[in-house]
Amino acid sequence: MAAALVYAPDHSGARIVFQTRPGAYNDESLIVFLDGLHDELAGAKVTLIWDGLPSHRSRRMQTWIRSQRRWLVVERLPGYAPDLNPVEALWGNIKGTELANLCADGIDATAQAAHAGIDRVRDDTVLAFAFLRHCGLSL
């Protein structure tokens, strides 16, 4: 699963861009995700707050990021700082609600539950902004 919490600079809205795929994410699949984010946001400028996942720091990713400077700025979090990452608050909320005590028969049921959680948060802009405030970040 990959997700981006997207906040309007004027606080007028928040949205989630979410994707599931089989297997693990790597730099190639994350570039595809970020290309989709760019399309979803109609080319708007983006500041991406990113943790230290190895695929976020690969040579290929760094080269791609440099080629996207017209719309993308990347701010790196310290090595291990989930408390500073709003997306971690999103995951924690979904794990504590839709995925809490879930005993699924397979990955599809788990993905369905995660999608339900994403849909719930998408409908609650106040909650999405709470994830940002929880991290001590502001726009």
C-alpha atoms as a PDB file:
ATOM      1  CA  MET A   1       0.000   0.000   0.000  1.00  0.00           C
ATOM      2  CA  ALA A   2       1.113   3.534  -0.701  1.00  0.00           C
ATOM      3  CA  ALA A   3      -0.651   6.705   0.348  1.00  0.00           C
ATOM      4  CA  ALA A   4      -0.168  10.437   0.142  1.00  0.00           C
ATOM      5  CA  LEU A   5      -2.035  12.913   2.303  1.00  0.00           C
ATOM      6  CA  VAL A   6      -2.511  16.047   0.232  1.00  0.00           C
ATOM      7  CA  TYR A   7      -3.342  19.345   1.904  1.00  0.00           C
ATOM      8  CA  ALA A   8      -4.481  22.551   0.210  1.00  0.00           C
ATOM      9  CA  PRO A   9      -2.165  25.377   1.356  1.00  0.00           C
ATOM     10  CA  ASP A  10      -5.174  27.554   2.242  1.00  0.00           C
ATOM     11  CA  HIS A  11      -6.618  24.787   4.489  1.00  0.00           C
ATOM     12  CA  SER A  12      -9.645  24.500   2.193  1.00  0.00           C
ATOM     13  CA  GLY A  13      -9.336  20.757   1.848  1.00  0.00           C
ATOM     14  CA  ALA A  14      -7.392  17.562   2.244  1.00  0.00           C
ATOM     15  CA  ARG A  15      -7.396  14.413   0.202  1.00  0.00           C
ATOM     16  CA  ILE A  16      -5.779  11.019   0.079  1.00  0.00           C
ATOM     17  CA  VAL A  17      -4.131   9.440  -2.923  1.00  0.00           C
ATOM     18  CA  PHE A  18      -3.983   5.709  -2.240  1.00  0.00           C
ATOM     19  CA  GLN A  19      -2.784   2.661  -4.132  1.00  0.00           C
ATOM     20  CA  THR A  20      -2.408  -1.044  -3.473  1.00  0.00           C
ATOM     21  CA  ARG A  21      -0.334  -3.402  -5.551  1.00  0.00           C
ATOM     22  CA  PRO A  22       0.955  -6.930  -5.238  1.00  0.00           C
ATOM     23  CA  GLY A  23       4.447  -7.299  -3.875  1.00  0.00           C
ATOM     24  CA  ALA A  24       6.667  -4.718  -2.256  1.00  0.00           C
ATOM     25  CA  TYR A  25       7.130  -1.152  -3.393  1.00  0.00           C
ATOM     26  CA  ASN A  26      10.486  -0.254  -4.878  1.00  0.00           C
ATOM     27  CA  ASP A  27      11.833   2.861  -6.553  1.00  0.00           C
ATOM     28  CA  GLU A  28      10.227   1.941  -9.888  1.00  0.00           C
ATOM     29  CA  SER A  29       6.735   1.403  -8.463  1.00  0.00           C
ATOM     30  CA  LEU A  30       7.044   4.528  -6.291  1.00  0.00           C
ATOM     31  CA  ILE A  31       7.929   6.597  -9.354  1.00  0.00           C
ATOM     32  CA  VAL A  32       4.759   5.286 -10.999  1.00  0.00           C
ATOM     33  CA  PHE A  33       2.818   6.231  -7.838  1.00  0.00           C
ATOM     34  CA  LEU A  34       4.307   9.747  -7.837  1.00  0.00           C
ATOM     35  CA  ASP A  35       3.561  10.160 -11.555  1.00  0.00           C
ATOM     36  CA  GLY A  36      -0.041   9.244 -10.730  1.00  0.00           C
ATOM     37  CA  LEU A  37      -0.031  11.757  -7.867  1.00  0.00           C
ATOM     38  CA  HIS A  38       1.178  14.426 -10.286  1.00  0.00           C
ATOM     39  CA  ASP A  39      -1.643  13.558 -12.701  1.00  0.00           C
ATOM     40  CA  GLU A  40      -4.221  13.414  -9.883  1.00  0.00           C
ATOM     41  CA  LEU A  41      -3.227  16.908  -8.762  1.00  0.00           C
ATOM     42  CA  ALA A  42      -3.329  18.283 -12.331  1.00  0.00           C
ATOM     43  CA  GLY A  43       0.320  19.287 -12.236  1.00  0.00           C
ATOM     44  CA  ALA A  44       0.108  21.359  -9.035  1.00  0.00           C
ATOM     45  CA  LYS A  45       3.313  21.995  -7.106  1.00  0.00           C
ATOM     46  CA  VAL A  46       3.887  19.479  -4.312  1.00  0.00           C
ATOM     47  CA  THR A  47       6.068  19.361  -1.234  1.00  0.00           C
ATOM     48  CA  LEU A  48       6.569  15.706  -0.366  1.00  0.00           C
ATOM     49  CA  ILE A  49       7.488  14.829   3.216  1.00  0.00           C
ATOM     50  CA  TRP A  50       9.293  11.534   3.012  1.00  0.00           C
ATOM     51  CA  ASP A  51      10.801   9.055   5.426  1.00  0.00           C
ATOM     52  CA  GLY A  52      14.059   7.182   4.993  1.00  0.00           C
ATOM     53  CA  LEU A  53      12.819   4.065   3.183  1.00  0.00           C
ATOM     54  CA  PRO A  54      15.739   2.798   1.042  1.00  0.00           C
ATOM     55  CA  SER A  55      13.719   3.041  -2.188  1.00  0.00           C
ATOM     56  CA  HIS A  56      13.090   6.725  -1.387  1.00  0.00           C
ATOM     57  CA  ARG A  57      16.864   7.288  -1.365  1.00  0.00           C
ATOM     58  CA  SER A  58      18.011   5.141  -4.306  1.00  0.00           C
ATOM     59  CA  ARG A  59      20.113   6.615  -7.111  1.00  0.00           C
ATOM     60  CA  ARG A  60      17.303   6.021  -9.558  1.00  0.00           C
ATOM     61  CA  MET A  61      14.826   7.859  -7.310  1.00  0.00           C
ATOM     62  CA  GLN A  62      17.228  10.749  -6.722  1.00  0.00           C
ATOM     63  CA  THR A  63      17.744  11.132 -10.480  1.00  0.00           C
ATOM     64  CA  TRP A  64      14.001  11.055 -11.093  1.00  0.00           C
ATOM     65  CA  ILE A  65      13.327  13.611  -8.321  1.00  0.00           C
ATOM     66  CA  ARG A  66      15.903  15.990  -9.812  1.00  0.00           C
ATOM     67  CA  SER A  67      14.089  15.737 -13.150  1.00  0.00           C
ATOM     68  CA  GLN A  68      10.781  16.708 -11.474  1.00  0.00           C
ATOM     69  CA  ARG A  69      11.896  19.930  -9.764  1.00  0.00           C
ATOM     70  CA  ARG A  70       9.371  22.032 -11.695  1.00  0.00           C
ATOM     71  CA  TRP A  71       6.593  20.570  -9.525  1.00  0.00           C
ATOM     72  CA  LEU A  72       8.146  18.456  -6.755  1.00  0.00           C
ATOM     73  CA  VAL A  73      10.099  19.430  -3.633  1.00  0.00           C
ATOM     74  CA  VAL A  74      11.143  16.650  -1.265  1.00  0.00           C
ATOM     75  CA  GLU A  75      11.663  17.247   2.450  1.00  0.00           C
ATOM     76  CA  ARG A  76      13.284  14.331   4.228  1.00  0.00           C
ATOM     77  CA  LEU A  77      12.370  13.173   7.694  1.00  0.00           C
ATOM     78  CA  PRO A  78      15.060  11.952  10.085  1.00  0.00           C
ATOM     79  CA  GLY A  79      16.041   8.292   9.746  1.00  0.00           C
ATOM     80  CA  TYR A  80      13.337   6.851  12.000  1.00  0.00           C
ATOM     81  CA  ALA A  81      10.654   9.373  12.889  1.00  0.00           C
ATOM     82  CA  PRO A  82       7.160   7.926  12.389  1.00  0.00           C
ATOM     83  CA  ASP A  83       5.806  10.491  14.856  1.00  0.00           C
ATOM     84  CA  LEU A  84       6.710  13.232  12.325  1.00  0.00           C
ATOM     85  CA  ASN A  85       5.006  11.542   9.360  1.00  0.00           C
ATOM     86  CA  PRO A  86       1.268  12.291   8.884  1.00  0.00           C
ATOM     87  CA  VAL A  87       0.824   9.158   6.761  1.00  0.00           C
ATOM     88  CA  GLU A  88       1.902   7.043   9.751  1.00  0.00           C
ATOM     89  CA  ALA A  89      -0.982   8.603  11.714  1.00  0.00           C
ATOM     90  CA  LEU A  90      -3.293   7.623   8.843  1.00  0.00           C
ATOM     91  CA  TRP A  91      -2.045   4.023   8.950  1.00  0.00           C
ATOM     92  CA  GLY A  92      -2.365   3.947  12.736  1.00  0.00           C
ATOM     93  CA  ASN A  93      -5.958   5.168  12.541  1.00  0.00           C
ATOM     94  CA  ILE A  94      -6.911   2.511   9.988  1.00  0.00           C
ATOM     95  CA  LYS A  95      -5.092  -0.222  11.928  1.00  0.00           C
ATOM     96  CA  GLY A  96      -6.964   0.796  15.060  1.00  0.00           C
ATOM     97  CA  THR A  97     -10.363   0.872  13.359  1.00  0.00           C
ATOM     98  CA  GLU A  98     -10.967  -1.168  10.182  1.00  0.00           C
ATOM     99  CA  LEU A  99      -8.049  -3.558  10.717  1.00  0.00           C
ATOM    100  CA  ALA A 100      -8.392  -3.929  14.492  1.00  0.00           C
ATOM    101  CA  ASN A 101      -8.996  -7.576  15.379  1.00  0.00           C
ATOM    102  CA  LEU A 102      -9.469  -8.438  11.708  1.00  0.00           C
ATOM    103  CA  CYS A 103      -8.919 -12.119  11.075  1.00  0.00           C
ATOM    104  CA  ALA A 104      -9.054 -12.157   7.290  1.00  0.00           C
ATOM    105  CA  ASP A 105      -8.923 -15.265   5.157  1.00  0.00           C
ATOM    106  CA  GLY A 106      -6.597 -13.592   2.663  1.00  0.00           C
ATOM    107  CA  ILE A 107      -4.919 -10.423   1.511  1.00  0.00           C
ATOM    108  CA  ASP A 108      -7.977  -9.368  -0.510  1.00  0.00           C
ATOM    109  CA  ALA A 109     -10.120  -9.033   2.616  1.00  0.00           C
ATOM    110  CA  THR A 110      -7.374  -7.039   4.306  1.00  0.00           C
ATOM    111  CA  ALA A 111      -7.081  -4.752   1.274  1.00  0.00           C
ATOM    112  CA  GLN A 112     -10.865  -4.259   1.283  1.00  0.00           C
ATOM    113  CA  ALA A 113     -10.779  -3.258   4.936  1.00  0.00           C
ATOM    114  CA  ALA A 114      -7.901  -0.841   4.268  1.00  0.00           C
ATOM    115  CA  HIS A 115      -9.842   0.694   1.370  1.00  0.00           C
ATOM    116  CA  ALA A 116     -12.848   1.137   3.683  1.00  0.00           C
ATOM    117  CA  GLY A 117     -10.610   2.970   6.151  1.00  0.00           C
ATOM    118  CA  ILE A 118      -9.221   5.211   3.431  1.00  0.00           C
ATOM    119  CA  ASP A 119     -12.773   6.008   2.304  1.00  0.00           C
ATOM    120  CA  ARG A 120     -13.767   6.845   5.881  1.00  0.00           C
ATOM    121  CA  VAL A 121     -10.842   9.247   6.311  1.00  0.00           C
ATOM    122  CA  ARG A 122     -11.433  10.761   2.858  1.00  0.00           C
ATOM    123  CA  ASP A 123     -14.871  11.802   4.091  1.00  0.00           C
ATOM    124  CA  ASP A 124     -13.421  13.493   7.194  1.00  0.00           C
ATOM    125  CA  THR A 125     -11.241  16.488   6.311  1.00  0.00           C
ATOM    126  CA  VAL A 126     -10.972  17.455   9.988  1.00  0.00           C
ATOM    127  CA  LEU A 127      -9.388  14.066  10.744  1.00  0.00           C
ATOM    128  CA  ALA A 128      -6.947  14.393   7.840  1.00  0.00           C
ATOM    129  CA  PHE A 129      -5.801  17.780   9.187  1.00  0.00           C
ATOM    130  CA  ALA A 130      -5.541  16.264  12.680  1.00  0.00           C
ATOM    131  CA  PHE A 131      -2.892  13.864  11.332  1.00  0.00           C
ATOM    132  CA  LEU A 132      -0.850  16.885  10.219  1.00  0.00           C
ATOM    133  CA  ARG A 133      -1.248  18.684  13.573  1.00  0.00           C
ATOM    134  CA  HIS A 134      -0.435  15.485  15.478  1.00  0.00           C
ATOM    135  CA  CYS A 135       2.987  15.527  13.835  1.00  0.00           C
ATOM    136  CA  GLY A 136       3.559  19.144  14.837  1.00  0.00           C
ATOM    137  CA  LEU A 137       3.433  20.264  11.219  1.00  0.00           C
ATOM    138  CA  SER A 138       1.510  23.143   9.714  1.00  0.00           C
ATOM    139  CA  LEU A 139       0.977  24.595   6.272  1.00  0.00           C
END
